[in-house]
Amino acid sequence: AQAIFQAGKETKTGSFIFEIARSELEYAGQHPASYAGLILSAAIEAGWQGPIYLQADHLQVNPERYNHSLIKEIHIVRKLIKDFLKAGFRSFDIDCSTFLLKENLELSYKLLKYLKLIKDGPKSAVGVEVGEIGSHNTTPEELKWFLTNLKKKIGDWPNLAKVAVQTGTQHGGRVSREGKLEKMPVDFALLAKLNQIALKFGLYGVVQHGASTLTSDVLVKLPATGTLEVHLGTAFQNLVFGHPQFPAKLKDKIYAWIEEKFASKRKKEQSQEQFLYENRKYAWGQFRKDFLELSPSFKEMIKEEMKERIKNRPLPASWLQSV
């Protein structure tokens, strides 16, 4: 976080968002308040003087839990919203995209209505999601239908500012059997068209998830489509795990734990590299103490290289694409 603030100062960048999703809170063993505290501490340490945007991302209604107990699952998400608000988060992304379009609409409306009515609710941007990231691409017809009916239900609410869509990306990217990140088939023409539809409905634009593993020459095309927001979390995770100086003993320890913990979830068609890449995110909470005790020199190295990456300067390609 310090590296991001420092890069922001050096490039005179006015705004960027620190987000954390419901799923990330769970596997990183964090709470909205602890995350907010870390980000604010980093801002002070880096001497940041600008605004700080904290966003609750992918506030998802879990389909399995929802089918087991509808009321309980909705209650859990509502409580989480309150926890985020108490921690200073003022941007919320509702994500019910794992459901069919009509169910997505109904569930999104329920949570948006709650946000709209809640005292001291978000004063900035609230978003929804049409098209699960990694599944089929969102069509213009789907987006029009969803926003038309959502607007009928929610009414005129300026906080409803953005919509996440699927245009060819995938959370975490796609990894080959050899452990190399593959090129993502982003449909830029579709992305631009969906953005125009969002604007016609009074939103500020579309959000592109799963862009972390896009190469720099692809990333720079996103602003031209009118894309409002881009999510890059996995890029920074890969920066740590893929670094040649990451302690081999710790990596072996983490991968041994993944082998044991997630053996039953391993897909038959997965190679060893694909399996480890898909599940290593769960190590952040389990091995928090080990990460905190990484050497100061390694942490400083990560900071400097993250700054350079944010400033779009070349870094050693040999490990940026590595599992």
C-alpha atoms as a PDB file:
ATOM      1  CA  ALA A   1       0.000   0.000   0.000  1.00  0.00           C
ATOM      2  CA  GLN A   2       2.876   2.358   0.727  1.00  0.00           C
ATOM      3  CA  ALA A   3       4.286   1.640  -2.735  1.00  0.00           C
ATOM      4  CA  ILE A   4       0.954   2.541  -4.353  1.00  0.00           C
ATOM      5  CA  PHE A   5       0.727   5.832  -2.459  1.00  0.00           C
ATOM      6  CA  GLN A   6       4.348   6.668  -3.269  1.00  0.00           C
ATOM      7  CA  ALA A   7       3.805   5.902  -6.953  1.00  0.00           C
ATOM      8  CA  GLY A   8       0.676   8.059  -6.845  1.00  0.00           C
ATOM      9  CA  LYS A   9       2.710  10.984  -5.512  1.00  0.00           C
ATOM     10  CA  GLU A  10       5.466  10.565  -8.084  1.00  0.00           C
ATOM     11  CA  THR A  11       3.066  10.326 -11.027  1.00  0.00           C
ATOM     12  CA  LYS A  12       0.649  12.944  -9.658  1.00  0.00           C
ATOM     13  CA  THR A  13      -2.183  10.406  -9.838  1.00  0.00           C
ATOM     14  CA  GLY A  14      -5.324  11.843  -8.311  1.00  0.00           C
ATOM     15  CA  SER A  15      -7.369   8.765  -7.528  1.00  0.00           C
ATOM     16  CA  PHE A  16      -7.098   5.009  -7.111  1.00  0.00           C
ATOM     17  CA  ILE A  17      -9.160   2.561  -5.123  1.00  0.00           C
ATOM     18  CA  PHE A  18      -8.181   0.105  -2.409  1.00  0.00           C
ATOM     19  CA  GLU A  19     -10.730  -2.688  -2.490  1.00  0.00           C
ATOM     20  CA  ILE A  20     -11.301  -5.942  -0.689  1.00  0.00           C
ATOM     21  CA  ALA A  21     -13.982  -8.512  -1.467  1.00  0.00           C
ATOM     22  CA  ARG A  22     -16.053 -10.658   0.845  1.00  0.00           C
ATOM     23  CA  SER A  23     -14.153 -13.762  -0.300  1.00  0.00           C
ATOM     24  CA  GLU A  24     -10.803 -12.021   0.223  1.00  0.00           C
ATOM     25  CA  LEU A  25     -11.719 -11.096   3.782  1.00  0.00           C
ATOM     26  CA  GLU A  26     -12.342 -14.768   4.452  1.00  0.00           C
ATOM     27  CA  TYR A  27      -9.218 -16.319   2.954  1.00  0.00           C
ATOM     28  CA  ALA A  28      -6.903 -13.494   4.052  1.00  0.00           C
ATOM     29  CA  GLY A  29      -8.232 -13.670   7.616  1.00  0.00           C
ATOM     30  CA  GLN A  30      -9.005  -9.943   7.667  1.00  0.00           C
ATOM     31  CA  HIS A  31     -11.790  -7.674   8.864  1.00  0.00           C
ATOM     32  CA  PRO A  32     -12.877  -4.451   7.109  1.00  0.00           C
ATOM     33  CA  ALA A  33     -11.533  -2.404  10.051  1.00  0.00           C
ATOM     34  CA  SER A  34      -8.107  -4.071  10.006  1.00  0.00           C
ATOM     35  CA  TYR A  35      -7.821  -3.598   6.242  1.00  0.00           C
ATOM     36  CA  ALA A  36      -8.830   0.065   6.490  1.00  0.00           C
ATOM     37  CA  GLY A  37      -6.337   0.586   9.330  1.00  0.00           C
ATOM     38  CA  LEU A  38      -3.477  -0.860   7.295  1.00  0.00           C
ATOM     39  CA  ILE A  39      -4.285   1.306   4.274  1.00  0.00           C
ATOM     40  CA  LEU A  40      -4.586   4.493   6.333  1.00  0.00           C
ATOM     41  CA  SER A  41      -1.338   3.709   8.179  1.00  0.00           C
ATOM     42  CA  ALA A  42       0.411   3.208   4.837  1.00  0.00           C
ATOM     43  CA  ALA A  43      -0.917   6.574   3.623  1.00  0.00           C
ATOM     44  CA  ILE A  44       0.513   8.320   6.676  1.00  0.00           C
ATOM     45  CA  GLU A  45       3.839   6.514   6.331  1.00  0.00           C
ATOM     46  CA  ALA A  46       4.061   7.467   2.641  1.00  0.00           C
ATOM     47  CA  GLY A  47       3.106  11.084   3.293  1.00  0.00           C
ATOM     48  CA  TRP A  48       0.014  10.882   1.111  1.00  0.00           C
ATOM     49  CA  GLN A  49      -2.079  14.063   1.133  1.00  0.00           C
ATOM     50  CA  GLY A  50      -4.843  13.161  -1.332  1.00  0.00           C
ATOM     51  CA  PRO A  51      -8.182  11.348  -0.997  1.00  0.00           C
ATOM     52  CA  ILE A  52      -8.362   7.687  -0.027  1.00  0.00           C
ATOM     53  CA  TYR A  53     -11.054   5.492  -1.545  1.00  0.00           C
ATOM     54  CA  LEU A  54     -11.995   2.281   0.256  1.00  0.00           C
ATOM     55  CA  GLN A  55     -14.283  -0.103  -1.601  1.00  0.00           C
ATOM     56  CA  ALA A  56     -16.189  -3.202  -0.578  1.00  0.00           C
ATOM     57  CA  ASP A  57     -15.899  -5.355  -3.676  1.00  0.00           C
ATOM     58  CA  HIS A  58     -17.914  -8.413  -4.755  1.00  0.00           C
ATOM     59  CA  LEU A  59     -20.505  -8.245  -2.002  1.00  0.00           C
ATOM     60  CA  GLN A  60     -21.801 -11.620  -3.095  1.00  0.00           C
ATOM     61  CA  VAL A  61     -24.793 -13.652  -2.139  1.00  0.00           C
ATOM     62  CA  ASN A  62     -23.341 -17.156  -2.037  1.00  0.00           C
ATOM     63  CA  PRO A  63     -25.607 -19.464  -4.123  1.00  0.00           C
ATOM     64  CA  GLU A  64     -24.972 -22.560  -1.990  1.00  0.00           C
ATOM     65  CA  ARG A  65     -25.574 -20.774   1.312  1.00  0.00           C
ATOM     66  CA  TYR A  66     -28.520 -18.897  -0.206  1.00  0.00           C
ATOM     67  CA  ASN A  67     -30.235 -22.133  -1.269  1.00  0.00           C
ATOM     68  CA  HIS A  68     -29.677 -23.559   2.215  1.00  0.00           C
ATOM     69  CA  SER A  69     -30.999 -20.500   4.039  1.00  0.00           C
ATOM     70  CA  LEU A  70     -32.127 -17.436   2.066  1.00  0.00           C
ATOM     71  CA  ILE A  71     -32.820 -15.242   5.100  1.00  0.00           C
ATOM     72  CA  LYS A  72     -29.571 -16.119   6.872  1.00  0.00           C
ATOM     73  CA  GLU A  73     -27.405 -15.415   3.810  1.00  0.00           C
ATOM     74  CA  ILE A  74     -29.035 -12.021   3.150  1.00  0.00           C
ATOM     75  CA  HIS A  75     -28.585 -11.173   6.842  1.00  0.00           C
ATOM     76  CA  ILE A  76     -24.857 -12.036   6.655  1.00  0.00           C
ATOM     77  CA  VAL A  77     -24.336  -9.718   3.666  1.00  0.00           C
ATOM     78  CA  ARG A  78     -26.256  -6.903   5.367  1.00  0.00           C
ATOM     79  CA  LYS A  79     -24.141  -7.252   8.506  1.00  0.00           C
ATOM     80  CA  LEU A  80     -21.005  -7.186   6.390  1.00  0.00           C
ATOM     81  CA  ILE A  81     -22.196  -3.946   4.771  1.00  0.00           C
ATOM     82  CA  LYS A  82     -22.538  -2.411   8.231  1.00  0.00           C
ATOM     83  CA  ASP A  83     -19.045  -3.606   9.176  1.00  0.00           C
ATOM     84  CA  PHE A  84     -17.653  -1.967   6.038  1.00  0.00           C
ATOM     85  CA  LEU A  85     -19.485   1.283   6.799  1.00  0.00           C
ATOM     86  CA  LYS A  86     -18.143   1.374  10.349  1.00  0.00           C
ATOM     87  CA  ALA A  87     -14.635   0.886   8.969  1.00  0.00           C
ATOM     88  CA  GLY A  88     -14.947   3.903   6.671  1.00  0.00           C
ATOM     89  CA  PHE A  89     -15.780   2.226   3.364  1.00  0.00           C
ATOM     90  CA  ARG A  90     -18.064   4.355   1.198  1.00  0.00           C
ATOM     91  CA  SER A  91     -18.049   2.469  -2.101  1.00  0.00           C
ATOM     92  CA  PHE A  92     -19.948  -0.798  -2.504  1.00  0.00           C
ATOM     93  CA  ASP A  93     -20.053  -3.253  -5.387  1.00  0.00           C
ATOM     94  CA  ILE A  94     -23.018  -5.614  -5.237  1.00  0.00           C
ATOM     95  CA  ASP A  95     -22.322  -8.852  -7.103  1.00  0.00           C
ATOM     96  CA  CYS A  96     -25.117 -11.365  -7.641  1.00  0.00           C
ATOM     97  CA  SER A  97     -23.797 -12.348 -11.071  1.00  0.00           C
ATOM     98  CA  THR A  98     -23.427 -16.019 -10.129  1.00  0.00           C
ATOM     99  CA  PHE A  99     -27.235 -16.261 -10.373  1.00  0.00           C
ATOM    100  CA  LEU A 100     -29.355 -16.226 -13.538  1.00  0.00           C
ATOM    101  CA  LEU A 101     -30.148 -12.734 -14.817  1.00  0.00           C
ATOM    102  CA  LYS A 102     -33.639 -12.454 -13.283  1.00  0.00           C
ATOM    103  CA  GLU A 103     -32.430 -13.708  -9.899  1.00  0.00           C
ATOM    104  CA  ASN A 104     -29.444 -11.382 -10.138  1.00  0.00           C
ATOM    105  CA  LEU A 105     -31.856  -8.482 -10.642  1.00  0.00           C
ATOM    106  CA  GLU A 106     -34.025  -9.373  -7.633  1.00  0.00           C
ATOM    107  CA  LEU A 107     -31.106  -9.992  -5.260  1.00  0.00           C
ATOM    108  CA  SER A 108     -29.211  -6.906  -6.423  1.00  0.00           C
ATOM    109  CA  TYR A 109     -32.332  -4.812  -5.855  1.00  0.00           C
ATOM    110  CA  LYS A 110     -32.763  -6.164  -2.311  1.00  0.00           C
ATOM    111  CA  LEU A 111     -29.214  -5.198  -1.356  1.00  0.00           C
ATOM    112  CA  LEU A 112     -29.300  -1.860  -3.182  1.00  0.00           C
ATOM    113  CA  LYS A 113     -32.553  -0.998  -1.430  1.00  0.00           C
ATOM    114  CA  TYR A 114     -30.888  -1.795   1.889  1.00  0.00           C
ATOM    115  CA  LEU A 115     -27.926   0.456   1.033  1.00  0.00           C
ATOM    116  CA  LYS A 116     -30.258   3.221  -0.099  1.00  0.00           C
ATOM    117  CA  LEU A 117     -32.280   3.164   3.108  1.00  0.00           C
ATOM    118  CA  ILE A 118     -29.509   2.549   5.630  1.00  0.00           C
ATOM    119  CA  LYS A 119     -28.619   5.501   7.832  1.00  0.00           C
ATOM    120  CA  ASP A 120     -25.171   6.976   7.083  1.00  0.00           C
ATOM    121  CA  GLY A 121     -24.985   4.786   3.974  1.00  0.00           C
ATOM    122  CA  PRO A 122     -22.459   5.158   1.162  1.00  0.00           C
ATOM    123  CA  LYS A 123     -22.035   8.686  -0.172  1.00  0.00           C
ATOM    124  CA  SER A 124     -19.978   7.738  -3.203  1.00  0.00           C
ATOM    125  CA  ALA A 125     -20.272   5.047  -5.883  1.00  0.00           C
ATOM    126  CA  VAL A 126     -22.410   1.934  -5.703  1.00  0.00           C
ATOM    127  CA  GLY A 127     -22.155  -0.701  -8.422  1.00  0.00           C
ATOM    128  CA  VAL A 128     -23.794  -3.897  -9.646  1.00  0.00           C
ATOM    129  CA  GLU A 129     -22.525  -6.741 -11.834  1.00  0.00           C
ATOM    130  CA  VAL A 130     -24.026  -8.261 -14.986  1.00  0.00           C
ATOM    131  CA  GLY A 131     -22.201 -11.324 -16.253  1.00  0.00           C
ATOM    132  CA  GLU A 132     -20.041 -13.455 -14.006  1.00  0.00           C
ATOM    133  CA  ILE A 133     -16.333 -12.817 -14.579  1.00  0.00           C
ATOM    134  CA  GLY A 134     -14.868 -15.803 -16.393  1.00  0.00           C
ATOM    135  CA  SER A 135     -18.199 -16.976 -17.855  1.00  0.00           C
ATOM    136  CA  HIS A 136     -19.884 -15.962 -21.146  1.00  0.00           C
ATOM    137  CA  ASN A 137     -19.516 -12.365 -22.261  1.00  0.00           C
ATOM    138  CA  THR A 138     -22.222  -9.911 -21.237  1.00  0.00           C
ATOM    139  CA  THR A 139     -24.427  -9.062 -24.227  1.00  0.00           C
ATOM    140  CA  PRO A 140     -25.828  -5.573 -24.921  1.00  0.00           C
ATOM    141  CA  GLU A 141     -29.338  -7.055 -24.656  1.00  0.00           C
ATOM    142  CA  GLU A 142     -28.618  -8.486 -21.189  1.00  0.00           C
ATOM    143  CA  LEU A 143     -27.228  -5.185 -19.938  1.00  0.00           C
ATOM    144  CA  LYS A 144     -30.148  -3.158 -21.333  1.00  0.00           C
ATOM    145  CA  TRP A 145     -32.709  -5.527 -19.824  1.00  0.00           C
ATOM    146  CA  PHE A 146     -30.988  -5.537 -16.434  1.00  0.00           C
ATOM    147  CA  LEU A 147     -30.526  -1.760 -16.165  1.00  0.00           C
ATOM    148  CA  THR A 148     -34.021  -1.024 -17.497  1.00  0.00           C
ATOM    149  CA  ASN A 149     -35.653  -3.164 -14.841  1.00  0.00           C
ATOM    150  CA  LEU A 150     -33.262  -2.150 -12.069  1.00  0.00           C
ATOM    151  CA  LYS A 151     -33.961   1.526 -12.723  1.00  0.00           C
ATOM    152  CA  LYS A 152     -37.707   0.820 -12.548  1.00  0.00           C
ATOM    153  CA  LYS A 153     -37.251  -0.798  -9.156  1.00  0.00           C
ATOM    154  CA  ILE A 154     -34.645   1.441  -7.508  1.00  0.00           C
ATOM    155  CA  GLY A 155     -35.764   4.757  -9.001  1.00  0.00           C
ATOM    156  CA  ASP A 156     -33.559   7.823  -9.375  1.00  0.00           C
ATOM    157  CA  TRP A 157     -30.544   7.230  -7.135  1.00  0.00           C
ATOM    158  CA  PRO A 158     -27.324   9.093  -8.048  1.00  0.00           C
ATOM    159  CA  ASN A 159     -25.209   6.685  -5.968  1.00  0.00           C
ATOM    160  CA  LEU A 160     -25.853   3.924  -8.500  1.00  0.00           C
ATOM    161  CA  ALA A 161     -22.841   4.792 -10.615  1.00  0.00           C
ATOM    162  CA  LYS A 162     -21.335   1.752 -12.329  1.00  0.00           C
ATOM    163  CA  VAL A 163     -21.836  -1.777 -13.585  1.00  0.00           C
ATOM    164  CA  ALA A 164     -19.249  -4.558 -13.877  1.00  0.00           C
ATOM    165  CA  VAL A 165     -19.433  -6.590 -17.075  1.00  0.00           C
ATOM    166  CA  GLN A 166     -17.744  -9.649 -18.573  1.00  0.00           C
ATOM    167  CA  THR A 167     -15.859  -9.122 -21.841  1.00  0.00           C
ATOM    168  CA  GLY A 168     -13.288 -11.924 -21.946  1.00  0.00           C
ATOM    169  CA  THR A 169     -11.311 -11.782 -18.719  1.00  0.00           C
ATOM    170  CA  GLN A 170     -11.100 -14.118 -15.743  1.00  0.00           C
ATOM    171  CA  HIS A 171     -10.269 -13.592 -12.085  1.00  0.00           C
ATOM    172  CA  GLY A 172      -6.609 -14.410 -11.625  1.00  0.00           C
ATOM    173  CA  GLY A 173      -6.118 -14.863 -15.348  1.00  0.00           C
ATOM    174  CA  ARG A 174      -5.770 -18.148 -17.186  1.00  0.00           C
ATOM    175  CA  VAL A 175      -2.730 -20.346 -16.642  1.00  0.00           C
ATOM    176  CA  SER A 176      -1.376 -22.925 -19.102  1.00  0.00           C
ATOM    177  CA  ARG A 177      -0.471 -26.448 -17.990  1.00  0.00           C
ATOM    178  CA  GLU A 178       3.165 -25.308 -17.922  1.00  0.00           C
ATOM    179  CA  GLY A 179       2.329 -22.535 -15.438  1.00  0.00           C
ATOM    180  CA  LYS A 180       2.460 -19.539 -17.762  1.00  0.00           C
ATOM    181  CA  LEU A 181      -0.231 -16.878 -17.900  1.00  0.00           C
ATOM    182  CA  GLU A 182      -2.159 -17.005 -21.145  1.00  0.00           C
ATOM    183  CA  LYS A 183      -3.406 -14.106 -23.218  1.00  0.00           C
ATOM    184  CA  MET A 184      -6.944 -13.053 -22.342  1.00  0.00           C
ATOM    185  CA  PRO A 185      -9.373 -12.579 -25.276  1.00  0.00           C
ATOM    186  CA  VAL A 186     -10.706  -9.142 -24.295  1.00  0.00           C
ATOM    187  CA  ASP A 187     -13.442  -7.885 -26.624  1.00  0.00           C
ATOM    188  CA  PHE A 188     -12.709  -4.141 -26.650  1.00  0.00           C
ATOM    189  CA  ALA A 189     -15.471  -3.354 -29.142  1.00  0.00           C
ATOM    190  CA  LEU A 190     -18.017  -5.019 -26.861  1.00  0.00           C
ATOM    191  CA  LEU A 191     -16.584  -3.244 -23.810  1.00  0.00           C
ATOM    192  CA  ALA A 192     -16.977   0.136 -25.523  1.00  0.00           C
ATOM    193  CA  LYS A 193     -20.541  -0.706 -26.564  1.00  0.00           C
ATOM    194  CA  LEU A 194     -21.513  -1.804 -23.041  1.00  0.00           C
ATOM    195  CA  ASN A 195     -20.012   1.384 -21.657  1.00  0.00           C
ATOM    196  CA  GLN A 196     -22.175   3.487 -23.990  1.00  0.00           C
ATOM    197  CA  ILE A 197     -25.268   1.616 -22.777  1.00  0.00           C
ATOM    198  CA  ALA A 198     -24.298   2.257 -19.139  1.00  0.00           C
ATOM    199  CA  LEU A 199     -23.906   5.976 -19.882  1.00  0.00           C
ATOM    200  CA  LYS A 200     -27.362   6.134 -21.477  1.00  0.00           C
ATOM    201  CA  PHE A 201     -28.831   4.799 -18.235  1.00  0.00           C
ATOM    202  CA  GLY A 202     -27.204   7.574 -16.229  1.00  0.00           C
ATOM    203  CA  LEU A 203     -24.268   5.568 -14.901  1.00  0.00           C
ATOM    204  CA  TYR A 204     -20.674   6.771 -15.120  1.00  0.00           C
ATOM    205  CA  GLY A 205     -19.491   3.680 -16.954  1.00  0.00           C
ATOM    206  CA  VAL A 206     -18.497   0.022 -16.765  1.00  0.00           C
ATOM    207  CA  VAL A 207     -16.019  -1.793 -14.543  1.00  0.00           C
ATOM    208  CA  GLN A 208     -13.475  -4.319 -15.834  1.00  0.00           C
ATOM    209  CA  HIS A 209     -12.579  -7.105 -13.414  1.00  0.00           C
ATOM    210  CA  GLY A 210      -9.951  -9.761 -14.039  1.00  0.00           C
ATOM    211  CA  ALA A 211      -7.547  -7.352 -15.756  1.00  0.00           C
ATOM    212  CA  SER A 212      -4.575  -8.073 -13.483  1.00  0.00           C
ATOM    213  CA  THR A 213      -2.810 -10.403 -15.878  1.00  0.00           C
ATOM    214  CA  LEU A 214      -3.322  -8.339 -19.016  1.00  0.00           C
ATOM    215  CA  THR A 215      -0.054  -7.182 -20.514  1.00  0.00           C
ATOM    216  CA  SER A 216       0.739  -3.461 -20.517  1.00  0.00           C
ATOM    217  CA  ASP A 217       0.005  -3.085 -24.246  1.00  0.00           C
ATOM    218  CA  VAL A 218      -3.511  -4.437 -23.603  1.00  0.00           C
ATOM    219  CA  LEU A 219      -4.156  -2.541 -20.376  1.00  0.00           C
ATOM    220  CA  VAL A 220      -3.528   0.814 -22.020  1.00  0.00           C
ATOM    221  CA  LYS A 221      -6.445   0.170 -24.395  1.00  0.00           C
ATOM    222  CA  LEU A 222      -9.003   0.141 -21.576  1.00  0.00           C
ATOM    223  CA  PRO A 223      -9.342   3.926 -21.089  1.00  0.00           C
ATOM    224  CA  ALA A 224     -10.195   4.359 -24.793  1.00  0.00           C
ATOM    225  CA  THR A 225     -13.294   2.183 -24.315  1.00  0.00           C
ATOM    226  CA  GLY A 226     -14.511   4.511 -21.560  1.00  0.00           C
ATOM    227  CA  THR A 227     -13.904   1.909 -18.858  1.00  0.00           C
ATOM    228  CA  LEU A 228     -14.464   3.613 -15.522  1.00  0.00           C
ATOM    229  CA  GLU A 229     -12.623   1.271 -13.180  1.00  0.00           C
ATOM    230  CA  VAL A 230     -10.101  -1.558 -13.505  1.00  0.00           C
ATOM    231  CA  HIS A 231      -9.268  -4.175 -10.843  1.00  0.00           C
ATOM    232  CA  LEU A 232      -5.655  -5.315 -10.495  1.00  0.00           C
ATOM    233  CA  GLY A 233      -5.362  -7.269  -7.239  1.00  0.00           C
ATOM    234  CA  THR A 234      -3.940 -10.513  -8.616  1.00  0.00           C
ATOM    235  CA  ALA A 235      -1.084  -8.631 -10.301  1.00  0.00           C
ATOM    236  CA  PHE A 236       0.304  -7.674  -6.907  1.00  0.00           C
ATOM    237  CA  GLN A 237      -0.183 -11.179  -5.510  1.00  0.00           C
ATOM    238  CA  ASN A 238       1.771 -12.589  -8.443  1.00  0.00           C
ATOM    239  CA  LEU A 239       4.456  -9.988  -7.873  1.00  0.00           C
ATOM    240  CA  VAL A 240       5.141 -11.573  -4.468  1.00  0.00           C
ATOM    241  CA  PHE A 241       4.685 -15.284  -5.235  1.00  0.00           C
ATOM    242  CA  GLY A 242       6.490 -15.167  -8.567  1.00  0.00           C
ATOM    243  CA  HIS A 243       9.480 -13.178  -7.374  1.00  0.00           C
ATOM    244  CA  PRO A 244      12.811 -15.042  -7.724  1.00  0.00           C
ATOM    245  CA  GLN A 245      13.823 -13.883  -4.242  1.00  0.00           C
ATOM    246  CA  PHE A 246      10.698 -15.237  -2.528  1.00  0.00           C
ATOM    247  CA  PRO A 247      12.018 -17.645   0.157  1.00  0.00           C
ATOM    248  CA  ALA A 248      12.052 -21.189  -1.263  1.00  0.00           C
ATOM    249  CA  LYS A 249      11.413 -22.791   2.143  1.00  0.00           C
ATOM    250  CA  LEU A 250       8.280 -20.720   2.700  1.00  0.00           C
ATOM    251  CA  LYS A 251       6.996 -21.424  -0.813  1.00  0.00           C
ATOM    252  CA  ASP A 252       7.543 -25.177  -0.272  1.00  0.00           C
ATOM    253  CA  LYS A 253       5.714 -24.938   3.063  1.00  0.00           C
ATOM    254  CA  ILE A 254       2.783 -23.111   1.453  1.00  0.00           C
ATOM    255  CA  TYR A 255       2.538 -25.476  -1.494  1.00  0.00           C
ATOM    256  CA  ALA A 256       2.672 -28.551   0.787  1.00  0.00           C
ATOM    257  CA  TRP A 257      -0.254 -27.080   2.767  1.00  0.00           C
ATOM    258  CA  ILE A 258      -2.205 -26.461  -0.460  1.00  0.00           C
ATOM    259  CA  GLU A 259      -1.588 -30.049  -1.585  1.00  0.00           C
ATOM    260  CA  GLU A 260      -3.071 -31.377   1.647  1.00  0.00           C
ATOM    261  CA  LYS A 261      -5.825 -28.815   2.229  1.00  0.00           C
ATOM    262  CA  PHE A 262      -7.299 -28.680  -1.285  1.00  0.00           C
ATOM    263  CA  ALA A 263      -6.615 -32.189  -2.568  1.00  0.00           C
ATOM    264  CA  SER A 264     -10.333 -32.995  -2.767  1.00  0.00           C
ATOM    265  CA  LYS A 265     -11.029 -29.882  -4.865  1.00  0.00           C
ATOM    266  CA  ARG A 266      -8.386 -30.630  -7.460  1.00  0.00           C
ATOM    267  CA  LYS A 267      -9.828 -30.893 -10.971  1.00  0.00           C
ATOM    268  CA  LYS A 268      -8.863 -33.942 -13.011  1.00  0.00           C
ATOM    269  CA  GLU A 269      -7.712 -31.874 -15.971  1.00  0.00           C
ATOM    270  CA  GLN A 270      -5.492 -29.572 -13.870  1.00  0.00           C
ATOM    271  CA  SER A 271      -1.712 -29.737 -13.996  1.00  0.00           C
ATOM    272  CA  GLN A 272       0.285 -29.262 -10.796  1.00  0.00           C
ATOM    273  CA  GLU A 273       1.094 -25.666 -11.778  1.00  0.00           C
ATOM    274  CA  GLN A 274      -2.549 -24.803 -12.472  1.00  0.00           C
ATOM    275  CA  PHE A 275      -3.687 -26.361  -9.186  1.00  0.00           C
ATOM    276  CA  LEU A 276      -1.139 -24.435  -7.107  1.00  0.00           C
ATOM    277  CA  TYR A 277      -1.822 -21.152  -8.886  1.00  0.00           C
ATOM    278  CA  GLU A 278      -5.586 -21.427  -8.371  1.00  0.00           C
ATOM    279  CA  ASN A 279      -5.318 -22.095  -4.636  1.00  0.00           C
ATOM    280  CA  ARG A 280      -2.301 -20.156  -3.393  1.00  0.00           C
ATOM    281  CA  LYS A 281      -4.414 -17.099  -2.566  1.00  0.00           C
ATOM    282  CA  TYR A 282      -5.714 -19.027   0.443  1.00  0.00           C
ATOM    283  CA  ALA A 283      -2.217 -18.912   1.957  1.00  0.00           C
ATOM    284  CA  TRP A 284      -2.415 -15.231   2.906  1.00  0.00           C
ATOM    285  CA  GLY A 285      -4.445 -15.817   6.047  1.00  0.00           C
ATOM    286  CA  GLN A 286      -3.007 -19.220   6.935  1.00  0.00           C
ATOM    287  CA  PHE A 287       0.594 -17.975   6.708  1.00  0.00           C
ATOM    288  CA  ARG A 288       0.109 -14.382   7.805  1.00  0.00           C
ATOM    289  CA  LYS A 289       2.846 -14.576  10.445  1.00  0.00           C
ATOM    290  CA  ASP A 290       5.323 -15.925   7.877  1.00  0.00           C
ATOM    291  CA  PHE A 291       4.502 -13.113   5.463  1.00  0.00           C
ATOM    292  CA  LEU A 292       4.870 -10.496   8.188  1.00  0.00           C
ATOM    293  CA  GLU A 293       8.283 -11.908   9.084  1.00  0.00           C
ATOM    294  CA  LEU A 294       9.674 -11.762   5.537  1.00  0.00           C
ATOM    295  CA  SER A 295      12.985  -9.894   5.555  1.00  0.00           C
ATOM    296  CA  PRO A 296      12.906  -6.079   5.364  1.00  0.00           C
ATOM    297  CA  SER A 297      15.124  -6.251   2.275  1.00  0.00           C
ATOM    298  CA  PHE A 298      12.620  -8.492   0.441  1.00  0.00           C
ATOM    299  CA  LYS A 299       9.721  -6.231   1.400  1.00  0.00           C
ATOM    300  CA  GLU A 300      11.642  -3.186   0.199  1.00  0.00           C
ATOM    301  CA  MET A 301      12.393  -4.973  -3.075  1.00  0.00           C
ATOM    302  CA  ILE A 302       8.696  -5.724  -3.582  1.00  0.00           C
ATOM    303  CA  LYS A 303       7.796  -2.113  -2.798  1.00  0.00           C
ATOM    304  CA  GLU A 304      10.242  -0.699  -5.329  1.00  0.00           C
ATOM    305  CA  GLU A 305       9.274  -3.139  -8.056  1.00  0.00           C
ATOM    306  CA  MET A 306       5.575  -2.551  -7.411  1.00  0.00           C
ATOM    307  CA  LYS A 307       6.144   1.191  -7.766  1.00  0.00           C
ATOM    308  CA  GLU A 308       7.863   0.664 -11.099  1.00  0.00           C
ATOM    309  CA  ARG A 309       5.063  -1.591 -12.312  1.00  0.00           C
ATOM    310  CA  ILE A 310       2.425   0.965 -11.310  1.00  0.00           C
ATOM    311  CA  LYS A 311       4.366   3.635 -13.190  1.00  0.00           C
ATOM    312  CA  ASN A 312       4.270   1.281 -16.199  1.00  0.00           C
ATOM    313  CA  ARG A 313       8.006   0.840 -16.407  1.00  0.00           C
ATOM    314  CA  PRO A 314       9.585  -2.410 -17.651  1.00  0.00           C
ATOM    315  CA  LEU A 315      10.322  -5.148 -15.127  1.00  0.00           C
ATOM    316  CA  PRO A 316      11.973  -8.545 -15.655  1.00  0.00           C
ATOM    317  CA  ALA A 317       9.430 -10.452 -17.775  1.00  0.00           C
ATOM    318  CA  SER A 318      10.850 -13.827 -16.714  1.00  0.00           C
ATOM    319  CA  TRP A 319       9.085 -13.802 -13.368  1.00  0.00           C
ATOM    320  CA  LEU A 320       6.118 -11.476 -13.941  1.00  0.00           C
ATOM    321  CA  GLN A 321       4.416 -14.250 -15.921  1.00  0.00           C
ATOM    322  CA  SER A 322       5.535 -17.069 -13.641  1.00  0.00           C
ATOM    323  CA  VAL A 323       3.631 -19.241 -11.179  1.00  0.00           C
END
